[in-house]
Amino acid sequence: MTFETADSVTLKIWDRSTTHHTLDALVHDFSLRHNTSKASIAVTCSGPNTFTVSLDSAAKATAFDAHSL
């Protein structure tokens, strides 16, 4: 199960042994896609084995400013 918006991805990870690797890869890809550092990305546990990776509010504002020019 995966849900994706412009500034977030919610993912259910069924195999607990791959959680770290999967989240690390997702954060890396997300930072490249949004041209931001990994420090500007938040990972939250949004349910059992369900994680949401999103831009933090400062990164959202910067991305909005860059796209509005």
C-alpha atoms as a PDB file:
ATOM      1  CA  MET A   1       0.000   0.000   0.000  1.00  0.00           C
ATOM      2  CA  THR A   2       1.447   3.343  -1.078  1.00  0.00           C
ATOM      3  CA  PHE A   3      -0.159   6.788  -1.194  1.00  0.00           C
ATOM      4  CA  GLU A   4       1.710   9.628  -2.844  1.00  0.00           C
ATOM      5  CA  THR A   5       1.091  13.381  -3.065  1.00  0.00           C
ATOM      6  CA  ALA A   6       3.297  16.212  -4.297  1.00  0.00           C
ATOM      7  CA  ASP A   7       5.049  16.563  -0.948  1.00  0.00           C
ATOM      8  CA  SER A   8       4.560  13.232   0.853  1.00  0.00           C
ATOM      9  CA  VAL A   9       4.576   9.468   0.469  1.00  0.00           C
ATOM     10  CA  THR A  10       2.800   7.063   2.834  1.00  0.00           C
ATOM     11  CA  LEU A  11       4.006   3.496   2.698  1.00  0.00           C
ATOM     12  CA  LYS A  12       3.122   0.271   4.511  1.00  0.00           C
ATOM     13  CA  ILE A  13       6.210  -1.891   5.021  1.00  0.00           C
ATOM     14  CA  TRP A  14       5.182  -5.504   5.527  1.00  0.00           C
ATOM     15  CA  ASP A  15       8.651  -6.969   6.095  1.00  0.00           C
ATOM     16  CA  ARG A  16      10.010  -5.505   9.347  1.00  0.00           C
ATOM     17  CA  SER A  17      13.553  -6.662   8.539  1.00  0.00           C
ATOM     18  CA  THR A  18      13.670  -4.212   5.605  1.00  0.00           C
ATOM     19  CA  THR A  19      12.160  -1.182   7.366  1.00  0.00           C
ATOM     20  CA  HIS A  20      15.436   0.734   7.862  1.00  0.00           C
ATOM     21  CA  HIS A  21      16.694   0.056   4.356  1.00  0.00           C
ATOM     22  CA  THR A  22      13.346   0.889   2.733  1.00  0.00           C
ATOM     23  CA  LEU A  23      12.928   4.165   4.630  1.00  0.00           C
ATOM     24  CA  ASP A  24      16.529   5.196   3.982  1.00  0.00           C
ATOM     25  CA  ALA A  25      16.114   4.600   0.246  1.00  0.00           C
ATOM     26  CA  LEU A  26      12.786   6.451   0.221  1.00  0.00           C
ATOM     27  CA  VAL A  27      14.253   9.482   2.039  1.00  0.00           C
ATOM     28  CA  HIS A  28      17.201   9.526  -0.385  1.00  0.00           C
ATOM     29  CA  ASP A  29      14.926   9.408  -3.453  1.00  0.00           C
ATOM     30  CA  PHE A  30      12.555  11.979  -1.929  1.00  0.00           C
ATOM     31  CA  SER A  31      15.418  14.411  -1.238  1.00  0.00           C
ATOM     32  CA  LEU A  32      16.665  14.088  -4.818  1.00  0.00           C
ATOM     33  CA  ARG A  33      13.174  14.569  -6.254  1.00  0.00           C
ATOM     34  CA  HIS A  34      12.621  17.745  -4.214  1.00  0.00           C
ATOM     35  CA  ASN A  35      16.227  18.955  -4.483  1.00  0.00           C
ATOM     36  CA  THR A  36      16.606  19.289  -0.723  1.00  0.00           C
ATOM     37  CA  SER A  37      18.757  17.790   2.013  1.00  0.00           C
ATOM     38  CA  LYS A  38      17.755  14.705   3.961  1.00  0.00           C
ATOM     39  CA  ALA A  39      17.545  16.934   7.057  1.00  0.00           C
ATOM     40  CA  SER A  40      14.542  18.688   5.476  1.00  0.00           C
ATOM     41  CA  ILE A  41      12.535  15.479   5.324  1.00  0.00           C
ATOM     42  CA  ALA A  42      10.354  14.144   8.128  1.00  0.00           C
ATOM     43  CA  VAL A  43       9.559  10.470   8.661  1.00  0.00           C
ATOM     44  CA  THR A  44       6.575   9.739  10.880  1.00  0.00           C
ATOM     45  CA  CYS A  45       4.967   6.495  11.948  1.00  0.00           C
ATOM     46  CA  SER A  46       1.364   6.939  10.879  1.00  0.00           C
ATOM     47  CA  GLY A  47       0.080   3.485  11.811  1.00  0.00           C
ATOM     48  CA  PRO A  48       1.171  -0.105  12.364  1.00  0.00           C
ATOM     49  CA  ASN A  49       4.119  -0.614   9.981  1.00  0.00           C
ATOM     50  CA  THR A  50       2.943   2.485   8.083  1.00  0.00           C
ATOM     51  CA  PHE A  51       5.262   5.446   7.586  1.00  0.00           C
ATOM     52  CA  THR A  52       4.841   8.862   6.001  1.00  0.00           C
ATOM     53  CA  VAL A  53       7.829  10.619   4.459  1.00  0.00           C
ATOM     54  CA  SER A  54       7.239  14.322   3.835  1.00  0.00           C
ATOM     55  CA  LEU A  55       8.924  17.683   3.445  1.00  0.00           C
ATOM     56  CA  ASP A  56       9.096  19.660   6.660  1.00  0.00           C
ATOM     57  CA  SER A  57       7.303  23.019   6.695  1.00  0.00           C
ATOM     58  CA  ALA A  58      10.453  25.112   5.989  1.00  0.00           C
ATOM     59  CA  ALA A  59      11.306  22.965   2.966  1.00  0.00           C
ATOM     60  CA  LYS A  60       7.722  23.292   1.690  1.00  0.00           C
ATOM     61  CA  ALA A  61       7.961  27.091   1.876  1.00  0.00           C
ATOM     62  CA  THR A  62      11.288  27.088   0.044  1.00  0.00           C
ATOM     63  CA  ALA A  63       9.981  24.749  -2.644  1.00  0.00           C
ATOM     64  CA  PHE A  64       6.875  26.920  -3.075  1.00  0.00           C
ATOM     65  CA  ASP A  65       8.996  30.086  -3.406  1.00  0.00           C
ATOM     66  CA  ALA A  66      11.280  28.456  -5.982  1.00  0.00           C
ATOM     67  CA  HIS A  67       8.327  27.248  -8.085  1.00  0.00           C
ATOM     68  CA  SER A  68       6.447  30.548  -7.903  1.00  0.00           C
ATOM     69  CA  LEU A  69       9.222  32.509  -9.643  1.00  0.00           C
END
